[in-house]
Amino acid sequence: MKKIEKRAAMCLLLAGALLLGLAVFCFRFVVDGGSWAAFPSNRHLYNKQGVLIGGRILDRNGLVLSETADGVRVYNDDRTIRRATLHAVGDAAGNIGTGAQTAFADKLSGYNLVTGAYSLTGQGRNLYLTIDATLNRAAYQALDGRRGAVGLYNYQTGEILCMVSTPSFDPAHPPAADEIEGNDDYNGVYVNRLLNATFTPGSIFKTVTLAAALDNLPNVTTRKFHCDGSLKIGGTTVTCTHAHGDLTLADALAESCNVTFGVLADEIGADKMHEYTEKAGLTGSLSVSGIPTAKGAFDFPANDSGNLAWAGVGQHNDLVNPAAMMTYMGAIAHGGTPVLPRLVYKSTTAGGIPTSLNPKHTGARALSAETAKAVGDMMRGAVTNHYGEDRFPNMQLCAKSGTAEVGADKRPNAWFAGFSRDPDHPYAFIVLVENGGGGSAVAGDVAANVLQAAFADQ
């Protein structure tokens, strides 16, 4: 009798393990089935050369960016558009991980839980990206061969209208591997700098320190600060480009005074600086239609006032992901709560029948509505009083420049970040020009060209 009981117990354990394993498999099948089906060795979706058999990629306006013809992946006729949309569309070899051909292969194939990757026509689906290809072309041309990234999205809907990363190449005529290796012109060409890289932010990070100061330092908006061009904080000298003299908080943001923001960071303290950086979404990873972004990294030393001051200025060990900073700009514009960026506009069958829903998603509150307005007002003042309203006509632009030091032997990275308060053009943006020099002069000019194209196109 005891043997029977033991065997029965063993059978129950095995049955339980089987059911648990089946449950895990079903869960993974629902969650990861599309990725399994889109594996490059699946001959239902890829030919022997590894080229995706079906599916067309289009921009938001219906411009075809990529499709398969006669077993070969073909791209838009415009060479500049091909280069400008490389990191959004991808290449036939699948080296660009953020490209739709790789990241959204399951959507292109028409995969679903019922029929899998089977298709009666074999044509796959039409996948419309949120990007505007002509706006991407304008951004690519504005970068003018320099390494960097440009991102622009609608902070009301989350739709990314512009996503450009350089260097790039023509996916219709890709360079050979030996051409890329060791060639500085192609340094980091496979990396989407907007989504998958991090960089020293420099003074654009002062918008985070500003928010923390507004919430935690009494009477900070009525205080007077003084800058002689440098100040020793905790044994470390914090320097500015020149002596700014007496400043209000708004003046300090417009003039990008390191001394003032170093003092503020020291007064705010390491714990609060970390808290506000985390709330801003700069330490985590975003999911852009399922594509994870790189996580930022920040070090706010509690027992080192000097390096804490430099961290509050956007230097020290600060590293930010451009897409995360763009989303934070959107949060400021959107009353403190970010609408998360996305790349998939819609998908349809080959005959045009819609096959997906792509609702907007909001993230956790980054700052209060009151603080968001105050930060936005000061960024608006920086444009009208410092960067020049004539560079951004009729845009109601709020912005902050950054010139991030990256090493004594290299030119600084140039940044320009911000948003428009024009209700008809709810755009937040980020521009990075690696080793470009001055943020306002260099990245600001790129931003002006892209924004003018965006406003003209809508």
Protein backbone atom coordinates (compact mmCIF):
# COMPACT_ATOMS: atom_id res chain seq x y z
CA MET A 1 0.00 0.00 0.00
CA LYS A 2 2.81 2.40 0.86
CA LYS A 3 4.48 1.70 -2.48
CA ILE A 4 1.26 2.58 -4.28
CA GLU A 5 0.94 5.81 -2.31
CA LYS A 6 4.54 6.77 -3.10
CA ARG A 7 4.04 6.01 -6.78
CA ALA A 8 0.82 8.00 -6.83
CA ALA A 9 2.57 10.94 -5.17
CA MET A 10 5.38 10.71 -7.72
CA CYS A 11 2.86 10.67 -10.57
CA LEU A 12 1.14 13.73 -9.13
CA LEU A 13 4.49 15.55 -8.90
CA LEU A 14 5.33 14.66 -12.49
CA ALA A 15 1.88 15.76 -13.64
CA GLY A 16 2.28 19.02 -11.74
CA ALA A 17 5.69 19.61 -13.28
CA LEU A 18 4.25 18.86 -16.73
CA LEU A 19 1.38 21.30 -16.23
CA LEU A 20 3.76 23.95 -14.91
CA GLY A 21 6.06 23.46 -17.88
CA LEU A 22 3.09 23.65 -20.25
CA ALA A 23 1.92 26.87 -18.59
CA VAL A 24 5.41 28.41 -18.91
CA PHE A 25 5.61 27.33 -22.55
CA CYS A 26 2.17 28.81 -23.33
CA PHE A 27 3.12 32.06 -21.65
CA ARG A 28 6.42 32.23 -23.55
CA PHE A 29 4.63 31.30 -26.78
CA VAL A 30 2.20 34.21 -26.39
CA VAL A 31 4.92 36.68 -25.36
CA ASP A 32 7.85 35.53 -27.52
CA GLY A 33 6.19 33.64 -30.38
CA GLY A 34 6.74 36.49 -32.80
CA SER A 35 10.46 36.60 -32.03
CA TRP A 36 10.75 32.84 -32.44
CA ALA A 37 9.00 32.95 -35.82
CA ALA A 38 11.15 35.87 -36.97
CA PHE A 39 14.43 34.03 -36.34
CA PRO A 40 16.56 34.41 -39.52
CA SER A 41 16.81 30.64 -40.09
CA ASN A 42 13.03 30.36 -40.52
CA ARG A 43 12.70 29.58 -44.24
CA HIS A 44 9.00 30.51 -44.17
CA LEU A 45 10.09 34.14 -43.68
CA TYR A 46 13.63 34.32 -45.09
CA ASN A 47 15.18 32.98 -48.31
CA LYS A 48 18.49 31.11 -48.45
CA GLN A 49 20.37 34.41 -48.61
CA GLY A 50 18.76 35.48 -45.33
CA VAL A 51 16.57 38.14 -46.97
CA LEU A 52 13.09 38.73 -45.58
CA ILE A 53 10.67 37.34 -48.13
CA GLY A 54 7.63 39.54 -47.57
CA GLY A 55 6.45 42.77 -46.03
CA ARG A 56 6.78 46.42 -47.00
CA ILE A 57 8.08 49.20 -44.78
CA LEU A 58 6.58 52.63 -45.34
CA ASP A 59 6.82 56.00 -43.63
CA ARG A 60 3.79 57.65 -42.03
CA ASN A 61 2.84 59.26 -45.36
CA GLY A 62 2.89 56.00 -47.32
CA LEU A 63 6.31 56.44 -48.92
CA VAL A 64 7.78 52.97 -49.51
CA LEU A 65 11.13 52.64 -47.77
CA SER A 66 11.82 48.92 -48.23
CA GLU A 67 10.25 45.86 -49.86
CA THR A 68 11.28 42.56 -51.39
CA ALA A 69 11.31 42.15 -55.16
CA ASP A 70 12.57 39.05 -56.97
CA GLY A 71 14.10 37.71 -53.76
CA VAL A 72 16.09 40.89 -53.11
CA ARG A 73 15.38 43.60 -50.58
CA VAL A 74 15.02 46.93 -52.40
CA TYR A 75 14.89 50.42 -50.94
CA ASN A 76 13.59 53.88 -51.74
CA ASP A 77 14.87 55.50 -54.95
CA ASP A 78 16.25 58.53 -53.09
CA ARG A 79 19.83 57.83 -51.96
CA THR A 80 19.74 60.43 -49.19
CA ILE A 81 16.46 59.05 -47.81
CA ARG A 82 18.00 55.57 -47.80
CA ARG A 83 20.92 56.81 -45.71
CA ALA A 84 18.74 59.00 -43.49
CA THR A 85 16.35 56.16 -42.63
CA LEU A 86 18.94 53.37 -42.31
CA HIS A 87 18.65 53.01 -38.53
CA ALA A 88 14.84 53.06 -38.71
CA VAL A 89 14.46 50.70 -41.68
CA GLY A 90 17.55 48.51 -41.31
CA ASP A 91 19.77 46.67 -43.77
CA ALA A 92 19.32 43.34 -45.54
CA ALA A 93 22.10 41.70 -43.51
CA GLY A 94 20.38 42.58 -40.22
CA ASN A 95 23.38 44.45 -38.78
CA ILE A 96 21.16 47.37 -37.69
CA GLY A 97 19.34 45.90 -34.70
CA THR A 98 16.88 48.81 -34.38
CA GLY A 99 15.88 48.59 -38.06
CA ALA A 100 12.30 47.55 -38.74
CA GLN A 101 13.48 44.68 -40.96
CA THR A 102 15.01 43.07 -37.87
CA ALA A 103 13.09 44.51 -34.92
CA PHE A 104 9.64 44.12 -36.48
CA ALA A 105 10.16 41.08 -38.71
CA ASP A 106 7.19 39.32 -37.09
CA LYS A 107 4.88 42.26 -37.88
CA LEU A 108 6.16 42.38 -41.46
CA SER A 109 5.62 38.65 -41.94
CA GLY A 110 2.02 38.76 -40.76
CA TYR A 111 2.69 36.44 -37.83
CA ASN A 112 -0.21 35.78 -35.46
CA LEU A 113 -0.95 33.29 -32.67
CA VAL A 114 -3.50 31.35 -34.76
CA THR A 115 -1.84 30.79 -38.15
CA GLY A 116 1.73 31.63 -37.15
CA ALA A 117 3.82 32.86 -40.09
CA TYR A 118 1.64 31.15 -42.71
CA SER A 119 0.30 33.47 -45.42
CA LEU A 120 -1.91 32.58 -48.36
CA THR A 121 -0.34 35.29 -50.51
CA GLY A 122 3.19 35.21 -49.10
CA GLN A 123 3.27 39.00 -49.33
CA GLY A 124 3.36 39.76 -45.63
CA ARG A 125 2.09 43.02 -44.21
CA ASN A 126 2.55 46.72 -44.78
CA LEU A 127 4.28 48.24 -41.77
CA TYR A 128 3.96 52.01 -41.48
CA LEU A 129 6.57 53.68 -39.28
CA THR A 130 5.82 56.93 -37.45
CA ILE A 131 8.77 58.68 -39.11
CA ASP A 132 8.49 61.22 -41.91
CA ALA A 133 11.18 60.24 -44.42
CA THR A 134 11.55 63.76 -45.81
CA LEU A 135 12.08 65.12 -42.29
CA ASN A 136 14.72 62.45 -41.71
CA ARG A 137 16.40 63.59 -44.92
CA ALA A 138 16.43 67.20 -43.67
CA ALA A 139 18.03 66.09 -40.39
CA TYR A 140 20.63 63.94 -42.17
CA GLN A 141 21.57 66.86 -44.41
CA ALA A 142 21.73 69.24 -41.43
CA LEU A 143 24.24 66.96 -39.69
CA ASP A 144 26.36 67.36 -42.83
CA GLY A 145 28.56 64.30 -42.43
CA ARG A 146 29.22 64.73 -38.69
CA ARG A 147 28.62 61.94 -36.20
CA GLY A 148 25.55 62.43 -34.08
CA ALA A 149 21.84 61.92 -33.63
CA VAL A 150 18.61 63.81 -34.17
CA GLY A 151 15.29 62.86 -32.61
CA LEU A 152 11.95 64.65 -32.81
CA TYR A 153 8.65 63.31 -31.53
CA ASN A 154 5.09 64.41 -30.89
CA TYR A 155 4.83 64.69 -27.12
CA GLN A 156 1.03 64.41 -27.29
CA THR A 157 0.91 61.12 -29.22
CA GLY A 158 4.39 59.63 -28.75
CA GLU A 159 4.99 59.31 -32.51
CA ILE A 160 8.67 59.67 -33.48
CA LEU A 161 8.71 61.83 -36.59
CA CYS A 162 12.47 61.98 -36.99
CA MET A 163 15.11 59.44 -35.97
CA VAL A 164 18.52 59.90 -37.57
CA SER A 165 21.86 58.47 -36.49
CA THR A 166 25.16 59.11 -38.22
CA PRO A 167 27.43 57.84 -39.63
CA SER A 168 25.24 55.88 -41.98
CA PHE A 169 25.53 53.99 -45.24
CA ASP A 170 23.37 53.22 -48.25
CA PRO A 171 21.54 49.92 -47.58
CA ALA A 172 21.07 49.46 -51.33
CA HIS A 173 24.87 49.41 -51.73
CA PRO A 174 26.28 48.46 -48.31
CA PRO A 175 30.05 48.68 -47.75
CA ALA A 176 32.00 45.46 -47.31
CA ALA A 177 33.08 44.47 -43.81
CA ASP A 178 36.73 45.28 -44.53
CA GLU A 179 35.71 48.77 -45.67
CA ILE A 180 34.05 49.44 -42.31
CA GLU A 181 36.70 47.93 -40.05
CA GLY A 182 39.24 50.53 -38.94
CA ASN A 183 37.61 53.27 -41.04
CA ASP A 184 36.78 56.28 -38.85
CA ASP A 185 34.13 57.38 -41.33
CA TYR A 186 32.12 54.34 -40.27
CA ASN A 187 32.92 54.46 -36.54
CA GLY A 188 29.86 53.07 -34.75
CA VAL A 189 27.82 52.89 -37.94
CA TYR A 190 25.76 49.92 -36.73
CA VAL A 191 24.79 51.73 -33.50
CA ASN A 192 21.61 53.78 -33.38
CA ARG A 193 22.95 56.73 -31.42
CA LEU A 194 19.47 57.97 -30.54
CA LEU A 195 18.31 54.71 -28.96
CA ASN A 196 21.31 52.56 -28.12
CA ALA A 197 24.12 54.83 -26.93
CA THR A 198 24.91 57.15 -24.03
CA PHE A 199 26.93 60.36 -23.94
CA THR A 200 28.07 63.02 -21.46
CA PRO A 201 25.11 65.45 -21.42
CA GLY A 202 26.78 68.68 -20.39
CA SER A 203 24.46 71.60 -19.69
CA ILE A 204 21.23 70.08 -21.01
CA PHE A 205 21.25 68.16 -17.71
CA LYS A 206 20.86 71.49 -15.87
CA THR A 207 17.12 71.19 -16.60
CA VAL A 208 17.04 68.28 -14.11
CA THR A 209 19.06 70.18 -11.50
CA LEU A 210 16.74 73.14 -12.05
CA ALA A 211 13.65 71.03 -11.33
CA ALA A 212 15.23 69.67 -8.15
CA ALA A 213 16.19 73.18 -7.02
CA LEU A 214 12.69 74.57 -7.63
CA ASP A 215 11.17 71.82 -5.48
CA ASN A 216 13.72 71.64 -2.68
CA LEU A 217 15.43 75.02 -2.16
CA PRO A 218 13.21 77.70 -0.58
CA ASN A 219 13.10 81.09 -2.34
CA VAL A 220 15.47 79.87 -5.04
CA THR A 221 13.67 81.89 -7.73
CA THR A 222 14.23 85.16 -5.84
CA ARG A 223 17.85 84.52 -4.85
CA LYS A 224 20.79 86.31 -6.42
CA PHE A 225 23.79 84.25 -7.47
CA HIS A 226 27.25 85.54 -8.29
CA CYS A 227 29.78 84.14 -10.74
CA ASP A 228 33.40 85.29 -11.01
CA GLY A 229 34.15 82.67 -13.65
CA SER A 230 35.13 79.98 -11.16
CA LEU A 231 34.38 78.80 -7.64
CA LYS A 232 36.00 76.25 -5.36
CA ILE A 233 33.41 73.79 -4.06
CA GLY A 234 34.63 71.11 -1.67
CA GLY A 235 38.21 71.49 -2.80
CA THR A 236 37.35 71.24 -6.52
CA THR A 237 37.22 74.26 -8.81
CA VAL A 238 34.07 74.60 -10.89
CA THR A 239 34.71 76.83 -13.91
CA CYS A 240 32.59 78.80 -16.36
CA THR A 241 33.45 80.09 -19.82
CA HIS A 242 33.60 83.61 -18.33
CA ALA A 243 32.50 85.63 -15.29
CA HIS A 244 28.71 86.05 -15.42
CA GLY A 245 28.45 88.47 -12.49
CA ASP A 246 25.13 88.68 -10.62
CA LEU A 247 22.42 86.32 -11.82
CA THR A 248 18.88 85.25 -11.10
CA LEU A 249 18.05 81.57 -11.45
CA ALA A 250 16.49 82.20 -14.87
CA ASP A 251 19.60 84.16 -15.94
CA ALA A 252 21.81 81.30 -14.77
CA LEU A 253 19.94 78.82 -16.99
CA ALA A 254 20.04 81.13 -20.01
CA GLU A 255 23.75 81.86 -19.50
CA SER A 256 24.40 78.20 -18.59
CA CYS A 257 26.38 79.21 -15.51
CA ASN A 258 28.31 76.21 -14.16
CA VAL A 259 29.11 77.98 -10.90
CA THR A 260 25.44 78.60 -10.09
CA PHE A 261 24.32 75.09 -10.96
CA GLY A 262 27.28 73.57 -9.14
CA VAL A 263 26.24 75.48 -6.00
CA LEU A 264 22.64 74.33 -6.49
CA ALA A 265 23.60 70.67 -6.86
CA ASP A 266 25.71 70.84 -3.69
CA GLU A 267 22.80 72.39 -1.77
CA ILE A 268 20.27 69.91 -3.15
CA GLY A 269 22.41 66.97 -2.09
CA ALA A 270 23.31 63.63 -3.62
CA ASP A 271 20.14 61.76 -2.64
CA LYS A 272 17.77 64.32 -4.14
CA MET A 273 19.89 64.67 -7.28
CA HIS A 274 19.67 60.91 -7.78
CA GLU A 275 15.93 60.94 -7.07
CA TYR A 276 15.18 63.65 -9.63
CA THR A 277 17.42 62.07 -12.26
CA GLU A 278 15.60 58.78 -11.78
CA LYS A 279 12.17 60.47 -11.91
CA ALA A 280 13.24 62.19 -15.12
CA GLY A 281 13.62 58.73 -16.65
CA LEU A 282 17.32 59.12 -17.39
CA THR A 283 18.56 56.06 -15.49
CA GLY A 284 16.18 53.44 -16.88
CA SER A 285 15.50 51.92 -20.29
CA LEU A 286 12.59 52.96 -22.47
CA SER A 287 10.74 50.53 -24.72
CA VAL A 288 10.27 52.15 -28.11
CA SER A 289 7.71 49.85 -29.74
CA GLY A 290 9.57 46.98 -28.10
CA ILE A 291 13.09 48.24 -28.85
CA PRO A 292 14.92 48.87 -25.54
CA THR A 293 16.99 52.02 -25.20
CA ALA A 294 20.34 52.23 -23.44
CA LYS A 295 20.26 53.09 -19.74
CA GLY A 296 21.87 56.30 -18.56
CA ALA A 297 24.45 56.29 -15.75
CA PHE A 298 24.97 58.97 -13.11
CA ASP A 299 27.20 59.23 -10.05
CA PHE A 300 26.30 61.74 -7.34
CA PRO A 301 28.97 61.32 -4.62
CA ALA A 302 27.56 62.15 -1.19
CA ASN A 303 30.95 62.89 0.36
CA ASP A 304 32.51 64.82 -2.51
CA SER A 305 30.90 68.24 -2.97
CA GLY A 306 33.14 69.16 -5.87
CA ASN A 307 32.27 66.18 -8.04
CA LEU A 308 28.64 66.42 -6.93
CA ALA A 309 28.68 69.99 -8.24
CA TRP A 310 30.16 68.87 -11.58
CA ALA A 311 27.58 66.06 -11.79
CA GLY A 312 24.81 68.63 -11.33
CA VAL A 313 26.28 70.58 -14.24
CA GLY A 314 26.10 67.47 -16.48
CA GLN A 315 29.76 66.48 -16.33
CA HIS A 316 31.67 64.21 -13.87
CA ASN A 317 30.53 60.63 -14.75
CA ASP A 318 27.14 61.59 -16.20
CA LEU A 319 25.96 59.60 -19.24
CA VAL A 320 22.57 60.11 -20.85
CA ASN A 321 20.69 58.36 -23.62
CA PRO A 322 19.47 60.91 -26.22
CA ALA A 323 16.00 59.33 -26.58
CA ALA A 324 15.52 59.44 -22.80
CA MET A 325 16.45 63.13 -22.72
CA MET A 326 14.07 63.81 -25.63
CA THR A 327 11.31 62.08 -23.65
CA TYR A 328 12.12 64.20 -20.58
CA MET A 329 11.75 67.30 -22.75
CA GLY A 330 8.36 65.94 -23.77
CA ALA A 331 7.46 65.45 -20.11
CA ILE A 332 8.23 69.10 -19.32
CA ALA A 333 6.07 70.17 -22.27
CA HIS A 334 3.28 67.74 -21.32
CA GLY A 335 2.72 69.02 -17.79
CA GLY A 336 5.26 66.73 -16.14
CA THR A 337 4.07 63.35 -17.46
CA PRO A 338 5.81 61.88 -20.50
CA VAL A 339 4.06 60.23 -23.41
CA LEU A 340 6.41 57.40 -24.35
CA PRO A 341 7.92 57.46 -27.85
CA ARG A 342 6.94 54.83 -30.42
CA LEU A 343 8.00 53.89 -33.94
CA VAL A 344 5.10 51.78 -35.23
CA TYR A 345 2.35 53.92 -36.77
CA LYS A 346 0.13 51.11 -38.05
CA SER A 347 0.20 47.83 -39.93
CA THR A 348 -2.14 46.52 -42.60
CA THR A 349 -2.55 43.49 -44.78
CA ALA A 350 -1.21 43.70 -48.33
CA GLY A 351 -4.75 44.73 -49.29
CA GLY A 352 -4.84 47.58 -46.77
CA ILE A 353 -6.94 46.05 -43.97
CA PRO A 354 -5.72 47.31 -40.55
CA THR A 355 -4.14 44.59 -38.42
CA SER A 356 -3.02 46.34 -35.26
CA LEU A 357 -3.82 48.91 -32.61
CA ASN A 358 -1.04 51.28 -31.56
CA PRO A 359 -2.30 53.34 -28.62
CA LYS A 360 -0.18 55.90 -26.86
CA HIS A 361 1.34 55.06 -23.48
CA THR A 362 2.31 57.45 -20.72
CA GLY A 363 5.19 57.00 -18.31
CA ALA A 364 5.51 57.80 -14.63
CA ARG A 365 5.27 61.45 -13.66
CA ALA A 366 8.69 63.09 -13.99
CA LEU A 367 7.87 66.39 -12.27
CA SER A 368 4.84 68.28 -11.00
CA ALA A 369 2.77 70.37 -13.39
CA GLU A 370 3.83 73.53 -11.55
CA THR A 371 7.51 72.66 -11.75
CA ALA A 372 7.18 71.63 -15.39
CA LYS A 373 5.71 75.02 -16.24
CA ALA A 374 8.42 76.88 -14.31
CA VAL A 375 11.21 74.91 -16.03
CA GLY A 376 9.55 75.45 -19.41
CA ASP A 377 9.20 79.19 -18.79
CA MET A 378 12.92 79.49 -18.03
CA MET A 379 13.81 77.46 -21.12
CA ARG A 380 11.56 79.80 -23.10
CA GLY A 381 13.47 82.74 -21.66
CA ALA A 382 16.75 81.14 -22.74
CA VAL A 383 15.52 81.18 -26.35
CA THR A 384 14.17 84.72 -26.34
CA ASN A 385 17.07 86.25 -24.39
CA HIS A 386 20.05 84.14 -25.41
CA TYR A 387 19.71 81.73 -28.34
CA GLY A 388 17.71 84.10 -30.53
CA GLU A 389 14.01 84.00 -31.34
CA ASP A 390 14.76 84.80 -34.98
CA ARG A 391 16.45 81.38 -35.38
CA PHE A 392 13.16 79.69 -34.41
CA PRO A 393 10.43 81.97 -35.81
CA ASN A 394 6.83 81.42 -34.71
CA MET A 395 7.69 78.21 -32.87
CA GLN A 396 7.17 79.24 -29.21
CA LEU A 397 10.37 77.30 -28.58
CA CYS A 398 11.71 76.35 -25.14
CA ALA A 399 15.27 75.00 -25.26
CA LYS A 400 18.57 74.35 -23.52
CA SER A 401 21.97 73.97 -25.15
CA GLY A 402 24.86 71.87 -23.91
CA THR A 403 28.59 71.80 -24.56
CA ALA A 404 29.84 68.59 -22.97
CA GLU A 405 33.54 68.15 -22.32
CA VAL A 406 34.66 64.64 -23.29
CA GLY A 407 38.44 64.81 -22.88
CA ALA A 408 41.29 67.26 -23.24
CA ASP A 409 42.25 66.09 -26.71
CA LYS A 410 38.72 66.13 -28.17
CA ARG A 411 36.27 68.86 -29.02
CA PRO A 412 33.15 68.93 -26.82
CA ASN A 413 29.93 67.24 -27.79
CA ALA A 414 27.32 69.76 -28.89
CA TRP A 415 23.72 69.38 -27.66
CA PHE A 416 20.44 71.20 -28.16
CA ALA A 417 17.24 69.96 -26.51
CA GLY A 418 13.77 71.35 -26.05
CA PHE A 419 10.19 71.55 -27.24
CA SER A 420 7.62 73.76 -28.93
CA ARG A 421 4.62 75.17 -27.09
CA ASP A 422 2.76 75.69 -30.35
CA PRO A 423 -0.38 73.52 -29.92
CA ASP A 424 -0.40 72.72 -33.64
CA HIS A 425 3.21 71.48 -33.48
CA PRO A 426 3.68 69.65 -30.16
CA TYR A 427 7.25 68.58 -30.82
CA ALA A 428 10.02 67.69 -28.39
CA PHE A 429 13.50 67.18 -29.80
CA ILE A 430 17.12 66.32 -29.13
CA VAL A 431 20.20 67.05 -31.24
CA LEU A 432 23.68 65.68 -30.60
CA VAL A 433 26.75 66.47 -32.70
CA GLU A 434 29.71 64.44 -31.44
CA ASN A 435 32.83 66.57 -31.01
CA GLY A 436 30.88 69.37 -32.64
CA GLY A 437 31.94 72.21 -30.36
CA GLY A 438 29.46 74.79 -29.03
CA GLY A 439 25.97 73.53 -28.28
CA SER A 440 23.96 76.59 -29.26
CA ALA A 441 26.01 77.43 -32.34
CA VAL A 442 26.39 73.92 -33.77
CA ALA A 443 23.59 71.70 -32.46
CA GLY A 444 21.27 74.72 -32.32
CA ASP A 445 21.69 75.29 -36.05
CA VAL A 446 20.91 71.63 -36.78
CA ALA A 447 17.80 71.91 -34.60
CA ALA A 448 16.72 75.09 -36.38
CA ASN A 449 16.93 73.40 -39.79
CA VAL A 450 15.03 70.32 -38.64
CA LEU A 451 12.33 72.30 -36.82
CA GLN A 452 11.78 74.59 -39.79
CA ALA A 453 11.30 71.51 -41.98
CA ALA A 454 8.94 69.95 -39.42
CA PHE A 455 6.83 73.10 -39.11
CA ALA A 456 6.69 73.55 -42.89
CA ASP A 457 5.67 69.94 -43.46
CA GLN A 458 2.72 69.85 -41.08
